[in-house]
Amino acid sequence: QVQLVESGGGSVQAGGSLRLTCVMSGKYPYQTYSMGWFRQAPGKEREGVGAWVSVGSTSYADSVKGRFTISHDNAKNALYLQMDSLKPADPGVYYCAADSKKLPVGGAWFPGASAYSDWGQGTQVTVPS
């Protein structure tokens, strides 16, 4: 059984940076698996931020491309979301998600929330205007 725990959220001024961490405990049966970051602002639907597959592919939503970077540390079994140049449109609860399948990731495409089977509890990001 896989569990995901996010950390690193907080309040940062517009233009600032934050790095979110998602630590995975447990393992999937196969070495190839997928993870993603999502966010949900108050009153809005959960939206995808970006995705990563263990073969090394990443993709990002257009709204964060060039500002956010996803990376993974195999030794720590952790997925990171480096968020730079934060904007007032970026706040929300950020969630980490994972699935045992190799999901299609690349270019402008990344999987929606329904593709992932495991979720973290979320971490709050605030960007005061």
C-alpha atoms as a PDB file:
ATOM      1  CA  GLN A   1       0.000   0.000   0.000  1.00  0.00           C
ATOM      2  CA  VAL A   2       1.289   3.422  -0.969  1.00  0.00           C
ATOM      3  CA  GLN A   3       0.915   6.542   1.149  1.00  0.00           C
ATOM      4  CA  LEU A   4       1.746  10.078   0.070  1.00  0.00           C
ATOM      5  CA  VAL A   5       2.593  12.943   2.395  1.00  0.00           C
ATOM      6  CA  GLU A   6       3.018  16.497   1.102  1.00  0.00           C
ATOM      7  CA  SER A   7       4.884  19.279   2.844  1.00  0.00           C
ATOM      8  CA  GLY A   8       6.380  22.659   2.076  1.00  0.00           C
ATOM      9  CA  GLY A   9       3.294  24.789   1.668  1.00  0.00           C
ATOM     10  CA  GLY A  10       3.063  28.255   3.152  1.00  0.00           C
ATOM     11  CA  SER A  11       2.521  31.893   2.402  1.00  0.00           C
ATOM     12  CA  VAL A  12       4.797  33.722   0.005  1.00  0.00           C
ATOM     13  CA  GLN A  13       4.601  37.085  -1.698  1.00  0.00           C
ATOM     14  CA  ALA A  14       3.919  37.284  -5.402  1.00  0.00           C
ATOM     15  CA  GLY A  15       7.124  36.708  -7.306  1.00  0.00           C
ATOM     16  CA  GLY A  16       8.492  34.464  -4.584  1.00  0.00           C
ATOM     17  CA  SER A  17       9.272  30.745  -4.540  1.00  0.00           C
ATOM     18  CA  LEU A  18       8.243  27.629  -2.669  1.00  0.00           C
ATOM     19  CA  ARG A  19       9.247  24.005  -2.974  1.00  0.00           C
ATOM     20  CA  LEU A  20       6.698  21.337  -2.227  1.00  0.00           C
ATOM     21  CA  THR A  21       7.721  17.810  -1.318  1.00  0.00           C
ATOM     22  CA  CYS A  22       5.726  14.607  -1.640  1.00  0.00           C
ATOM     23  CA  VAL A  23       7.196  11.588   0.089  1.00  0.00           C
ATOM     24  CA  MET A  24       5.943   8.176  -0.952  1.00  0.00           C
ATOM     25  CA  SER A  25       5.971   5.360   1.561  1.00  0.00           C
ATOM     26  CA  GLY A  26       5.409   1.831   0.360  1.00  0.00           C
ATOM     27  CA  LYS A  27       5.996   0.588  -3.147  1.00  0.00           C
ATOM     28  CA  TYR A  28       4.096  -0.350  -6.227  1.00  0.00           C
ATOM     29  CA  PRO A  29       4.565  -3.849  -7.658  1.00  0.00           C
ATOM     30  CA  TYR A  30       6.423  -2.529 -10.699  1.00  0.00           C
ATOM     31  CA  GLN A  31       9.297  -0.072 -11.070  1.00  0.00           C
ATOM     32  CA  THR A  32       7.405   2.059 -13.593  1.00  0.00           C
ATOM     33  CA  TYR A  33       4.793   4.321 -12.033  1.00  0.00           C
ATOM     34  CA  SER A  34       3.366   7.797 -12.354  1.00  0.00           C
ATOM     35  CA  MET A  35       2.961  10.796 -10.068  1.00  0.00           C
ATOM     36  CA  GLY A  36       1.409  14.195 -10.438  1.00  0.00           C
ATOM     37  CA  TRP A  37       0.686  17.493  -8.756  1.00  0.00           C
ATOM     38  CA  PHE A  38      -2.770  19.020  -8.603  1.00  0.00           C
ATOM     39  CA  ARG A  39      -4.181  22.094  -6.929  1.00  0.00           C
ATOM     40  CA  GLN A  40      -7.587  23.255  -5.840  1.00  0.00           C
ATOM     41  CA  ALA A  41      -8.521  26.832  -5.061  1.00  0.00           C
ATOM     42  CA  PRO A  42     -11.622  27.655  -2.973  1.00  0.00           C
ATOM     43  CA  GLY A  43     -14.768  27.267  -5.038  1.00  0.00           C
ATOM     44  CA  LYS A  44     -12.913  25.824  -7.998  1.00  0.00           C
ATOM     45  CA  GLU A  45     -12.370  22.359  -9.369  1.00  0.00           C
ATOM     46  CA  ARG A  46      -9.160  20.483  -8.824  1.00  0.00           C
ATOM     47  CA  GLU A  47      -6.790  21.169 -11.699  1.00  0.00           C
ATOM     48  CA  GLY A  48      -3.628  19.505 -12.863  1.00  0.00           C
ATOM     49  CA  VAL A  49      -0.343  21.296 -12.398  1.00  0.00           C
ATOM     50  CA  GLY A  50       2.063  18.755 -13.815  1.00  0.00           C
ATOM     51  CA  ALA A  51       2.995  15.119 -14.039  1.00  0.00           C
ATOM     52  CA  TRP A  52       6.007  12.826 -13.846  1.00  0.00           C
ATOM     53  CA  VAL A  53       6.605   9.251 -14.881  1.00  0.00           C
ATOM     54  CA  SER A  54       9.390   7.124 -13.453  1.00  0.00           C
ATOM     55  CA  VAL A  55      10.923   6.710 -16.926  1.00  0.00           C
ATOM     56  CA  GLY A  56      11.713  10.416 -16.721  1.00  0.00           C
ATOM     57  CA  SER A  57       8.924  12.189 -18.596  1.00  0.00           C
ATOM     58  CA  THR A  58       7.368  15.369 -17.267  1.00  0.00           C
ATOM     59  CA  SER A  59       4.688  17.717 -18.467  1.00  0.00           C
ATOM     60  CA  TYR A  60       3.086  20.895 -17.156  1.00  0.00           C
ATOM     61  CA  ALA A  61      -0.077  22.895 -17.379  1.00  0.00           C
ATOM     62  CA  ASP A  62       0.276  25.950 -19.608  1.00  0.00           C
ATOM     63  CA  SER A  63      -0.461  28.204 -16.630  1.00  0.00           C
ATOM     64  CA  VAL A  64       2.691  27.070 -14.802  1.00  0.00           C
ATOM     65  CA  LYS A  65       5.024  26.167 -17.656  1.00  0.00           C
ATOM     66  CA  GLY A  66       8.355  27.943 -17.302  1.00  0.00           C
ATOM     67  CA  ARG A  67       7.698  28.743 -13.634  1.00  0.00           C
ATOM     68  CA  PHE A  68       7.186  25.354 -11.987  1.00  0.00           C
ATOM     69  CA  THR A  69       9.544  22.382 -12.153  1.00  0.00           C
ATOM     70  CA  ILE A  70       8.878  18.787 -11.151  1.00  0.00           C
ATOM     71  CA  SER A  71      11.736  16.572 -10.057  1.00  0.00           C
ATOM     72  CA  HIS A  72      12.159  13.247  -8.299  1.00  0.00           C
ATOM     73  CA  ASP A  73      14.691  11.804  -5.888  1.00  0.00           C
ATOM     74  CA  ASN A  74      14.818   8.027  -6.119  1.00  0.00           C
ATOM     75  CA  ALA A  75      16.861   7.638  -2.944  1.00  0.00           C
ATOM     76  CA  LYS A  76      14.306   9.569  -0.898  1.00  0.00           C
ATOM     77  CA  ASN A  77      11.318   8.338  -2.883  1.00  0.00           C
ATOM     78  CA  ALA A  78      10.196  11.941  -3.073  1.00  0.00           C
ATOM     79  CA  LEU A  79       8.567  14.067  -5.748  1.00  0.00           C
ATOM     80  CA  TYR A  80       9.201  17.796  -5.690  1.00  0.00           C
ATOM     81  CA  LEU A  81       7.412  20.799  -7.132  1.00  0.00           C
ATOM     82  CA  GLN A  82       9.637  23.854  -7.345  1.00  0.00           C
ATOM     83  CA  MET A  83       7.406  26.875  -7.758  1.00  0.00           C
ATOM     84  CA  ASP A  84       9.046  30.116  -8.863  1.00  0.00           C
ATOM     85  CA  SER A  85       7.589  33.488  -9.815  1.00  0.00           C
ATOM     86  CA  LEU A  86       4.419  32.705  -7.896  1.00  0.00           C
ATOM     87  CA  LYS A  87       1.355  34.647  -8.926  1.00  0.00           C
ATOM     88  CA  PRO A  88      -1.873  35.582  -7.138  1.00  0.00           C
ATOM     89  CA  ALA A  89      -3.562  32.954  -9.357  1.00  0.00           C
ATOM     90  CA  ASP A  90      -1.439  30.132  -7.910  1.00  0.00           C
ATOM     91  CA  PRO A  91      -2.860  29.711  -4.373  1.00  0.00           C
ATOM     92  CA  GLY A  92      -4.777  26.653  -3.288  1.00  0.00           C
ATOM     93  CA  VAL A  93      -4.354  23.283  -1.703  1.00  0.00           C
ATOM     94  CA  TYR A  94      -1.700  21.386  -3.591  1.00  0.00           C
ATOM     95  CA  TYR A  95      -2.075  17.637  -3.793  1.00  0.00           C
ATOM     96  CA  CYS A  96       0.325  14.905  -4.768  1.00  0.00           C
ATOM     97  CA  ALA A  97      -1.070  11.886  -6.595  1.00  0.00           C
ATOM     98  CA  ALA A  98       0.356   8.571  -7.742  1.00  0.00           C
ATOM     99  CA  ASP A  99      -0.605   5.494  -9.687  1.00  0.00           C
ATOM    100  CA  SER A 100       1.036   2.156 -10.365  1.00  0.00           C
ATOM    101  CA  LYS A 101       0.559   2.482 -14.117  1.00  0.00           C
ATOM    102  CA  LYS A 102       2.787   4.239 -16.596  1.00  0.00           C
ATOM    103  CA  LEU A 103       0.418   7.034 -17.575  1.00  0.00           C
ATOM    104  CA  PRO A 104       0.854   9.001 -20.816  1.00  0.00           C
ATOM    105  CA  VAL A 105       2.879  12.098 -20.022  1.00  0.00           C
ATOM    106  CA  GLY A 106       4.634  14.440 -22.379  1.00  0.00           C
ATOM    107  CA  GLY A 107       4.391  17.680 -24.270  1.00  0.00           C
ATOM    108  CA  ALA A 108       1.223  19.504 -23.370  1.00  0.00           C
ATOM    109  CA  TRP A 109      -0.566  16.367 -22.160  1.00  0.00           C
ATOM    110  CA  PHE A 110      -0.781  14.983 -18.669  1.00  0.00           C
ATOM    111  CA  PRO A 111      -3.357  12.748 -16.969  1.00  0.00           C
ATOM    112  CA  GLY A 112      -6.402  14.037 -15.167  1.00  0.00           C
ATOM    113  CA  ALA A 113      -7.172  13.422 -11.526  1.00  0.00           C
ATOM    114  CA  SER A 114      -9.239  10.305 -12.228  1.00  0.00           C
ATOM    115  CA  ALA A 115      -6.162   8.527 -13.584  1.00  0.00           C
ATOM    116  CA  TYR A 116      -4.481   8.447 -10.191  1.00  0.00           C
ATOM    117  CA  SER A 117      -5.383   5.969  -7.475  1.00  0.00           C
ATOM    118  CA  ASP A 118      -3.451   7.336  -4.502  1.00  0.00           C
ATOM    119  CA  TRP A 119      -3.547  10.840  -3.035  1.00  0.00           C
ATOM    120  CA  GLY A 120      -1.898  12.835  -0.311  1.00  0.00           C
ATOM    121  CA  GLN A 121      -3.720  15.058   2.146  1.00  0.00           C
ATOM    122  CA  GLY A 122      -2.624  18.301   0.495  1.00  0.00           C
ATOM    123  CA  THR A 123      -0.594  21.302   1.546  1.00  0.00           C
ATOM    124  CA  GLN A 124      -1.817  24.892   1.488  1.00  0.00           C
ATOM    125  CA  VAL A 125      -0.141  27.545  -0.646  1.00  0.00           C
ATOM    126  CA  THR A 126      -1.077  31.191  -0.174  1.00  0.00           C
ATOM    127  CA  VAL A 127       0.080  34.137  -2.256  1.00  0.00           C
ATOM    128  CA  PRO A 128      -1.140  37.377  -0.642  1.00  0.00           C
ATOM    129  CA  SER A 129      -2.115  40.016  -3.137  1.00  0.00           C
END
